[in-house]
């Protein structure tokens, strides 16, 4: 497994070897609680709603008397998706 750390807001950049990378430590966080007391809630709730309405009206041959061979073809489609990526 290989990971990359990129820090872009430094005025000086330097390539670190493996030994130097092992010496890198995190920043300062004042009043950091004891790790055993820290509880992380990873609950994820999402609500999604798709409401669709489709009215298809085909009035072919209305008000036409004694007409033969009238053809009408209607293809209607409707699609919807909801995706939540976590």
N, C-alpha and C. Protein backbone atom coordinates (compact mmCIF):
# COMPACT_ATOMS: atom_id res chain seq x y z
N UNK A 1 0.85 -1.18 0.00
CA UNK A 1 0.00 0.00 0.00
C UNK A 1 0.89 1.24 0.00
N UNK A 2 0.61 2.16 -0.87
CA UNK A 2 1.38 3.40 -0.96
C UNK A 2 0.45 4.57 -0.76
N UNK A 3 0.85 5.49 0.09
CA UNK A 3 0.05 6.69 0.32
C UNK A 3 0.88 7.90 0.00
N UNK A 4 0.22 9.00 -0.31
CA UNK A 4 0.91 10.23 -0.66
C UNK A 4 0.39 11.35 0.21
N UNK A 5 1.29 12.13 0.73
CA UNK A 5 0.95 13.31 1.52
C UNK A 5 1.42 14.53 0.74
N UNK A 6 0.49 15.43 0.44
CA UNK A 6 0.82 16.65 -0.30
C UNK A 6 0.42 17.84 0.54
N UNK A 7 1.39 18.70 0.84
CA UNK A 7 1.13 19.93 1.58
C UNK A 7 1.49 21.07 0.65
N UNK A 8 0.49 21.89 0.30
CA UNK A 8 0.71 22.90 -0.73
C UNK A 8 0.90 24.32 -0.19
N UNK A 9 0.66 24.55 1.09
CA UNK A 9 0.71 25.92 1.57
C UNK A 9 2.01 26.27 2.28
N UNK A 10 3.07 25.55 2.04
CA UNK A 10 4.37 25.87 2.63
C UNK A 10 5.20 26.69 1.66
N UNK A 11 5.97 27.61 2.20
CA UNK A 11 6.81 28.42 1.33
C UNK A 11 8.04 27.65 0.85
N UNK A 12 8.46 26.63 1.57
CA UNK A 12 9.61 25.81 1.19
C UNK A 12 9.15 24.37 1.07
N UNK A 13 9.53 23.72 0.01
CA UNK A 13 9.19 22.31 -0.15
C UNK A 13 10.45 21.49 -0.19
N UNK A 14 10.36 20.27 0.28
CA UNK A 14 11.53 19.40 0.32
C UNK A 14 11.06 17.96 0.19
N UNK A 15 11.76 17.18 -0.61
CA UNK A 15 11.46 15.76 -0.76
C UNK A 15 12.01 15.04 0.46
N UNK A 16 11.19 14.27 1.16
CA UNK A 16 11.62 13.56 2.36
C UNK A 16 11.80 12.08 2.05
N UNK A 17 12.86 11.50 2.61
CA UNK A 17 13.06 10.07 2.46
C UNK A 17 12.23 9.34 3.52
N UNK A 18 12.28 8.02 3.51
CA UNK A 18 11.45 7.22 4.42
C UNK A 18 11.78 7.52 5.88
N UNK A 19 13.05 7.69 6.21
CA UNK A 19 13.45 7.96 7.61
C UNK A 19 12.90 9.32 8.07
N UNK A 20 13.01 10.32 7.20
CA UNK A 20 12.49 11.65 7.55
C UNK A 20 10.96 11.63 7.67
N UNK A 21 10.30 10.86 6.82
CA UNK A 21 8.84 10.78 6.90
C UNK A 21 8.38 10.14 8.20
N UNK A 22 9.15 9.17 8.72
CA UNK A 22 8.79 8.55 9.99
C UNK A 22 8.90 9.54 11.14
N UNK A 23 9.70 10.58 10.99
CA UNK A 23 9.88 11.57 12.04
C UNK A 23 8.80 12.65 12.01
N UNK A 24 8.00 12.69 10.96
CA UNK A 24 6.96 13.71 10.84
C UNK A 24 5.86 13.43 11.86
N UNK A 25 5.46 14.45 12.57
CA UNK A 25 4.41 14.33 13.58
C UNK A 25 3.31 15.34 13.26
N UNK A 26 2.15 15.11 13.85
CA UNK A 26 1.00 15.97 13.59
C UNK A 26 1.13 17.34 14.23
N UNK A 27 0.12 18.15 14.03
CA UNK A 27 0.10 19.52 14.53
C UNK A 27 -0.34 19.60 15.97
N UNK A 28 -0.56 20.78 16.44
CA UNK A 28 -0.93 21.04 17.83
C UNK A 28 -2.42 21.32 17.93
N UNK A 29 -3.11 20.59 18.78
CA UNK A 29 -4.53 20.82 19.04
C UNK A 29 -4.68 21.06 20.54
N UNK A 30 -4.94 22.30 20.94
CA UNK A 30 -5.07 22.57 22.37
C UNK A 30 -6.33 21.92 22.94
N UNK A 31 -6.23 21.49 24.18
CA UNK A 31 -7.36 20.91 24.91
C UNK A 31 -7.92 19.66 24.23
N UNK A 32 -7.04 18.86 23.68
CA UNK A 32 -7.47 17.62 23.04
C UNK A 32 -7.91 16.63 24.12
N UNK A 33 -9.12 16.08 24.01
CA UNK A 33 -9.59 15.13 25.03
C UNK A 33 -8.81 13.82 24.96
N UNK A 34 -8.88 13.06 26.02
CA UNK A 34 -8.23 11.76 26.07
C UNK A 34 -8.89 10.86 25.02
N UNK A 35 -8.09 10.15 24.24
CA UNK A 35 -8.63 9.36 23.13
C UNK A 35 -9.60 8.29 23.59
N UNK A 36 -9.42 7.73 24.77
CA UNK A 36 -10.33 6.68 25.21
C UNK A 36 -11.72 7.24 25.50
N UNK A 37 -11.81 8.54 25.74
CA UNK A 37 -13.10 9.15 26.03
C UNK A 37 -13.79 9.68 24.77
N UNK A 38 -13.10 9.66 23.65
CA UNK A 38 -13.67 10.19 22.42
C UNK A 38 -14.58 9.14 21.80
N UNK A 39 -15.82 9.55 21.50
CA UNK A 39 -16.77 8.66 20.84
C UNK A 39 -17.12 9.28 19.49
N UNK A 40 -17.08 8.48 18.47
CA UNK A 40 -17.38 8.95 17.12
C UNK A 40 -18.70 8.34 16.69
N UNK A 41 -19.62 9.19 16.28
CA UNK A 41 -20.90 8.73 15.77
C UNK A 41 -20.82 8.67 14.26
N UNK A 42 -20.90 7.49 13.71
CA UNK A 42 -20.81 7.34 12.26
C UNK A 42 -22.18 7.09 11.64
N UNK A 43 -23.23 7.50 12.32
CA UNK A 43 -24.58 7.33 11.78
C UNK A 43 -24.78 8.25 10.58
N UNK A 44 -25.38 7.69 9.57
CA UNK A 44 -25.61 8.44 8.34
C UNK A 44 -27.08 8.30 7.96
N UNK A 45 -27.79 9.40 7.96
CA UNK A 45 -29.20 9.39 7.59
C UNK A 45 -29.41 10.25 6.36
N UNK A 46 -30.14 9.73 5.41
CA UNK A 46 -30.43 10.49 4.20
C UNK A 46 -31.88 10.24 3.81
N UNK A 47 -32.51 11.29 3.38
CA UNK A 47 -33.89 11.18 2.93
C UNK A 47 -33.97 11.72 1.51
N UNK A 48 -34.53 10.95 0.63
CA UNK A 48 -34.66 11.37 -0.76
C UNK A 48 -36.07 11.10 -1.24
N UNK A 49 -36.52 11.92 -2.14
CA UNK A 49 -37.86 11.78 -2.69
C UNK A 49 -37.84 12.11 -4.17
N UNK A 50 -38.44 11.25 -4.95
CA UNK A 50 -38.63 11.53 -6.37
C UNK A 50 -40.12 11.55 -6.62
N UNK A 51 -40.61 12.65 -7.12
CA UNK A 51 -42.01 12.75 -7.50
C UNK A 51 -42.10 13.04 -8.99
N UNK A 52 -42.78 12.19 -9.72
CA UNK A 52 -42.89 12.38 -11.16
C UNK A 52 -44.35 12.25 -11.58
N UNK A 53 -44.69 13.04 -12.56
CA UNK A 53 -46.02 12.97 -13.16
C UNK A 53 -45.85 13.04 -14.67
N UNK A 54 -46.58 12.19 -15.36
CA UNK A 54 -46.53 12.21 -16.82
C UNK A 54 -47.94 11.99 -17.36
N UNK A 55 -48.41 12.94 -18.12
CA UNK A 55 -49.71 12.83 -18.78
C UNK A 55 -49.47 12.82 -20.28
N UNK A 56 -49.88 11.73 -20.92
CA UNK A 56 -49.71 11.60 -22.37
C UNK A 56 -51.11 11.51 -22.98
N UNK A 57 -51.41 12.46 -23.86
CA UNK A 57 -52.71 12.50 -24.52
C UNK A 57 -52.46 12.42 -26.02
N UNK A 58 -53.18 11.53 -26.69
CA UNK A 58 -53.05 11.37 -28.13
C UNK A 58 -54.45 11.50 -28.74
N UNK A 59 -54.71 12.62 -29.34
CA UNK A 59 -56.02 12.89 -29.93
C UNK A 59 -55.91 12.89 -31.45
N UNK A 60 -55.72 11.75 -32.01
CA UNK A 60 -55.54 11.64 -33.45
C UNK A 60 -56.87 11.16 -34.06
N UNK A 61 -57.40 11.92 -34.96
CA UNK A 61 -58.64 11.54 -35.62
C UNK A 61 -59.89 12.10 -34.96
N UNK A 62 -59.73 13.03 -34.02
CA UNK A 62 -60.91 13.64 -33.40
C UNK A 62 -61.64 14.52 -34.40
N UNK A 63 -62.94 14.54 -34.32
CA UNK A 63 -63.81 15.36 -35.17
C UNK A 63 -63.63 15.04 -36.66
N UNK A 64 -63.35 13.78 -36.95
CA UNK A 64 -63.21 13.36 -38.35
C UNK A 64 -64.22 12.24 -38.59
N UNK A 65 -65.19 12.48 -39.43
CA UNK A 65 -66.22 11.48 -39.71
C UNK A 65 -65.85 10.69 -40.95
N UNK A 66 -66.14 9.43 -40.92
CA UNK A 66 -65.96 8.53 -42.06
C UNK A 66 -64.50 8.47 -42.54
N UNK A 67 -63.57 8.46 -41.59
CA UNK A 67 -62.14 8.39 -41.92
C UNK A 67 -61.67 6.98 -41.60
N UNK A 68 -60.87 6.43 -42.47
CA UNK A 68 -60.38 5.07 -42.29
C UNK A 68 -58.85 5.07 -42.35
N UNK A 69 -58.23 4.19 -41.60
CA UNK A 69 -56.79 4.00 -41.67
C UNK A 69 -55.97 5.01 -40.88
N UNK A 70 -56.56 5.65 -39.91
CA UNK A 70 -55.80 6.59 -39.07
C UNK A 70 -54.92 5.77 -38.12
N UNK A 71 -53.66 6.10 -38.09
CA UNK A 71 -52.73 5.41 -37.21
C UNK A 71 -52.08 6.41 -36.25
N UNK A 72 -51.82 5.92 -35.09
CA UNK A 72 -51.17 6.77 -34.09
C UNK A 72 -50.26 5.89 -33.24
N UNK A 73 -49.06 6.37 -33.00
CA UNK A 73 -48.11 5.61 -32.20
C UNK A 73 -47.43 6.57 -31.22
N UNK A 74 -47.48 6.24 -29.95
CA UNK A 74 -46.89 7.09 -28.92
C UNK A 74 -45.94 6.23 -28.08
N UNK A 75 -44.70 6.67 -27.96
CA UNK A 75 -43.72 6.04 -27.05
C UNK A 75 -43.34 7.08 -26.02
N UNK A 76 -43.70 6.83 -24.80
CA UNK A 76 -43.29 7.76 -23.74
C UNK A 76 -42.51 6.98 -22.69
N UNK A 77 -41.45 7.59 -22.23
CA UNK A 77 -40.63 6.98 -21.19
C UNK A 77 -40.37 7.99 -20.10
N UNK A 78 -40.11 7.48 -18.92
CA UNK A 78 -39.81 8.34 -17.79
C UNK A 78 -38.87 7.58 -16.86
N UNK A 79 -37.78 8.21 -16.48
CA UNK A 79 -36.79 7.57 -15.62
C UNK A 79 -36.41 8.49 -14.48
N UNK A 80 -36.08 7.89 -13.36
CA UNK A 80 -35.61 8.67 -12.21
C UNK A 80 -34.67 7.79 -11.39
N UNK A 81 -33.64 8.41 -10.83
CA UNK A 81 -32.73 7.68 -9.94
C UNK A 81 -32.33 8.58 -8.78
N UNK A 82 -32.13 7.97 -7.66
CA UNK A 82 -31.56 8.62 -6.47
C UNK A 82 -30.34 7.84 -6.06
N UNK A 83 -29.22 8.50 -5.90
CA UNK A 83 -28.00 7.83 -5.50
C UNK A 83 -27.37 8.57 -4.33
N UNK A 84 -27.00 7.82 -3.33
CA UNK A 84 -26.27 8.37 -2.20
C UNK A 84 -24.95 7.61 -2.12
N UNK A 85 -23.88 8.33 -2.23
CA UNK A 85 -22.56 7.71 -2.13
C UNK A 85 -21.94 8.13 -0.83
N UNK A 86 -21.50 7.16 -0.08
CA UNK A 86 -20.90 7.46 1.21
C UNK A 86 -19.48 7.01 1.22
